[in-house]
Structure formats: C-alpha cells, structure tokens
Amino acid sequence: MKALATYFLSLHDVNEAAQKFKHVASVTPLVQNMQYSKKFQCNVMFKREDLQLVRSYKIK
C-alpha cells in the first residue's frame, strides 16, 4: 500500500491562491439575521454568498 504524504499550507501558498482567484469571486457582505440573533440572544451574521455570480449557498 502506498503511503500518503501530508501537505502543510504556508502563508505564501494561501496568498498565492488568493491572487489567482481574486478576479473570480466577489466580496460579499455580512448581514445580521434578526430572527436567529433574537432566538440565540447574540449577533448572528450571515455571509451573503448567494450574491456570487455562481449563486453558491453555504452556511458559515
């Protein structure tokens, strides 16, 4: 059986990837959800990924 190597990202790797994708994804806002904020008695913020051109829906 072949052993798998573990790859650890560096800050340089993250910055390099960010540069490659900076023209692909839009910066989307955080908005407070009043219903959940009231229910859990805290500020619950939703990241508006649905505003991306690809219409991605993710819970963050």
C-alpha atoms as a PDB file:
ATOM      1  CA  MET A   1       0.000   0.000   0.000  1.00  0.00           C
ATOM      2  CA  LYS A   2       1.290   3.449  -0.925  1.00  0.00           C
ATOM      3  CA  ALA A   3       1.875   5.888   1.944  1.00  0.00           C
ATOM      4  CA  LEU A   4       0.121   9.247   1.700  1.00  0.00           C
ATOM      5  CA  ALA A   5       2.152  12.392   2.225  1.00  0.00           C
ATOM      6  CA  THR A   6       0.762  15.219   4.343  1.00  0.00           C
ATOM      7  CA  TYR A   7       0.957  18.662   2.796  1.00  0.00           C
ATOM      8  CA  PHE A   8       1.012  21.689   5.085  1.00  0.00           C
ATOM      9  CA  LEU A   9      -0.017  25.028   3.599  1.00  0.00           C
ATOM     10  CA  SER A  10       2.135  28.055   4.175  1.00  0.00           C
ATOM     11  CA  LEU A  11       1.001  31.669   4.285  1.00  0.00           C
ATOM     12  CA  HIS A  12       2.718  32.110   0.929  1.00  0.00           C
ATOM     13  CA  ASP A  13       0.561  29.303  -0.532  1.00  0.00           C
ATOM     14  CA  VAL A  14      -2.616  30.962   0.763  1.00  0.00           C
ATOM     15  CA  ASN A  15      -1.631  34.375  -0.606  1.00  0.00           C
ATOM     16  CA  GLU A  16      -0.725  32.847  -3.955  1.00  0.00           C
ATOM     17  CA  ALA A  17      -4.117  31.128  -4.198  1.00  0.00           C
ATOM     18  CA  ALA A  18      -5.889  34.353  -3.196  1.00  0.00           C
ATOM     19  CA  GLN A  19      -4.173  36.191  -6.054  1.00  0.00           C
ATOM     20  CA  LYS A  20      -5.238  33.534  -8.559  1.00  0.00           C
ATOM     21  CA  PHE A  21      -8.905  33.757  -7.518  1.00  0.00           C
ATOM     22  CA  LYS A  22      -9.271  37.459  -6.761  1.00  0.00           C
ATOM     23  CA  HIS A  23     -10.979  38.139 -10.101  1.00  0.00           C
ATOM     24  CA  VAL A  24     -13.283  35.128  -9.839  1.00  0.00           C
ATOM     25  CA  ALA A  25     -15.128  35.707  -6.568  1.00  0.00           C
ATOM     26  CA  SER A  26     -16.813  38.894  -5.414  1.00  0.00           C
ATOM     27  CA  VAL A  27     -16.510  40.340  -1.940  1.00  0.00           C
ATOM     28  CA  THR A  28     -19.885  39.741  -0.314  1.00  0.00           C
ATOM     29  CA  PRO A  29     -21.251  41.388   2.823  1.00  0.00           C
ATOM     30  CA  LEU A  30     -22.162  40.019   6.211  1.00  0.00           C
ATOM     31  CA  VAL A  31     -25.713  40.816   7.284  1.00  0.00           C
ATOM     32  CA  GLN A  32     -27.300  40.338  10.668  1.00  0.00           C
ATOM     33  CA  ASN A  33     -30.154  37.854  10.845  1.00  0.00           C
ATOM     34  CA  MET A  34     -32.599  39.302  13.348  1.00  0.00           C
ATOM     35  CA  GLN A  35     -34.598  36.088  13.815  1.00  0.00           C
ATOM     36  CA  TYR A  36     -31.612  33.976  14.901  1.00  0.00           C
ATOM     37  CA  SER A  37     -29.976  36.846  16.751  1.00  0.00           C
ATOM     38  CA  LYS A  38     -33.096  37.216  18.888  1.00  0.00           C
ATOM     39  CA  LYS A  39     -33.525  33.445  19.322  1.00  0.00           C
ATOM     40  CA  PHE A  40     -29.940  32.887  20.498  1.00  0.00           C
ATOM     41  CA  GLN A  41     -29.555  36.314  22.157  1.00  0.00           C
ATOM     42  CA  CYS A  42     -26.423  37.195  20.200  1.00  0.00           C
ATOM     43  CA  ASN A  43     -25.450  38.726  16.876  1.00  0.00           C
ATOM     44  CA  VAL A  44     -25.868  36.078  14.195  1.00  0.00           C
ATOM     45  CA  MET A  45     -24.350  37.166  10.909  1.00  0.00           C
ATOM     46  CA  PHE A  46     -24.900  35.535   7.533  1.00  0.00           C
ATOM     47  CA  LYS A  47     -22.312  35.774   4.771  1.00  0.00           C
ATOM     48  CA  ARG A  48     -24.193  36.639   1.568  1.00  0.00           C
ATOM     49  CA  GLU A  49     -22.576  34.032  -0.692  1.00  0.00           C
ATOM     50  CA  ASP A  50     -25.822  33.970  -2.670  1.00  0.00           C
ATOM     51  CA  LEU A  51     -24.631  37.252  -4.226  1.00  0.00           C
ATOM     52  CA  GLN A  52     -21.787  35.455  -6.012  1.00  0.00           C
ATOM     53  CA  LEU A  53     -22.224  35.073  -9.759  1.00  0.00           C
ATOM     54  CA  VAL A  54     -22.304  31.270  -9.365  1.00  0.00           C
ATOM     55  CA  ARG A  55     -25.031  31.558  -6.702  1.00  0.00           C
ATOM     56  CA  SER A  56     -23.267  29.424  -4.134  1.00  0.00           C
ATOM     57  CA  TYR A  57     -25.211  28.739  -0.939  1.00  0.00           C
ATOM     58  CA  LYS A  58     -23.161  27.850   2.135  1.00  0.00           C
ATOM     59  CA  ILE A  59     -23.748  28.074   5.849  1.00  0.00           C
ATOM     60  CA  LYS A  60     -20.776  29.692   7.559  1.00  0.00           C
END
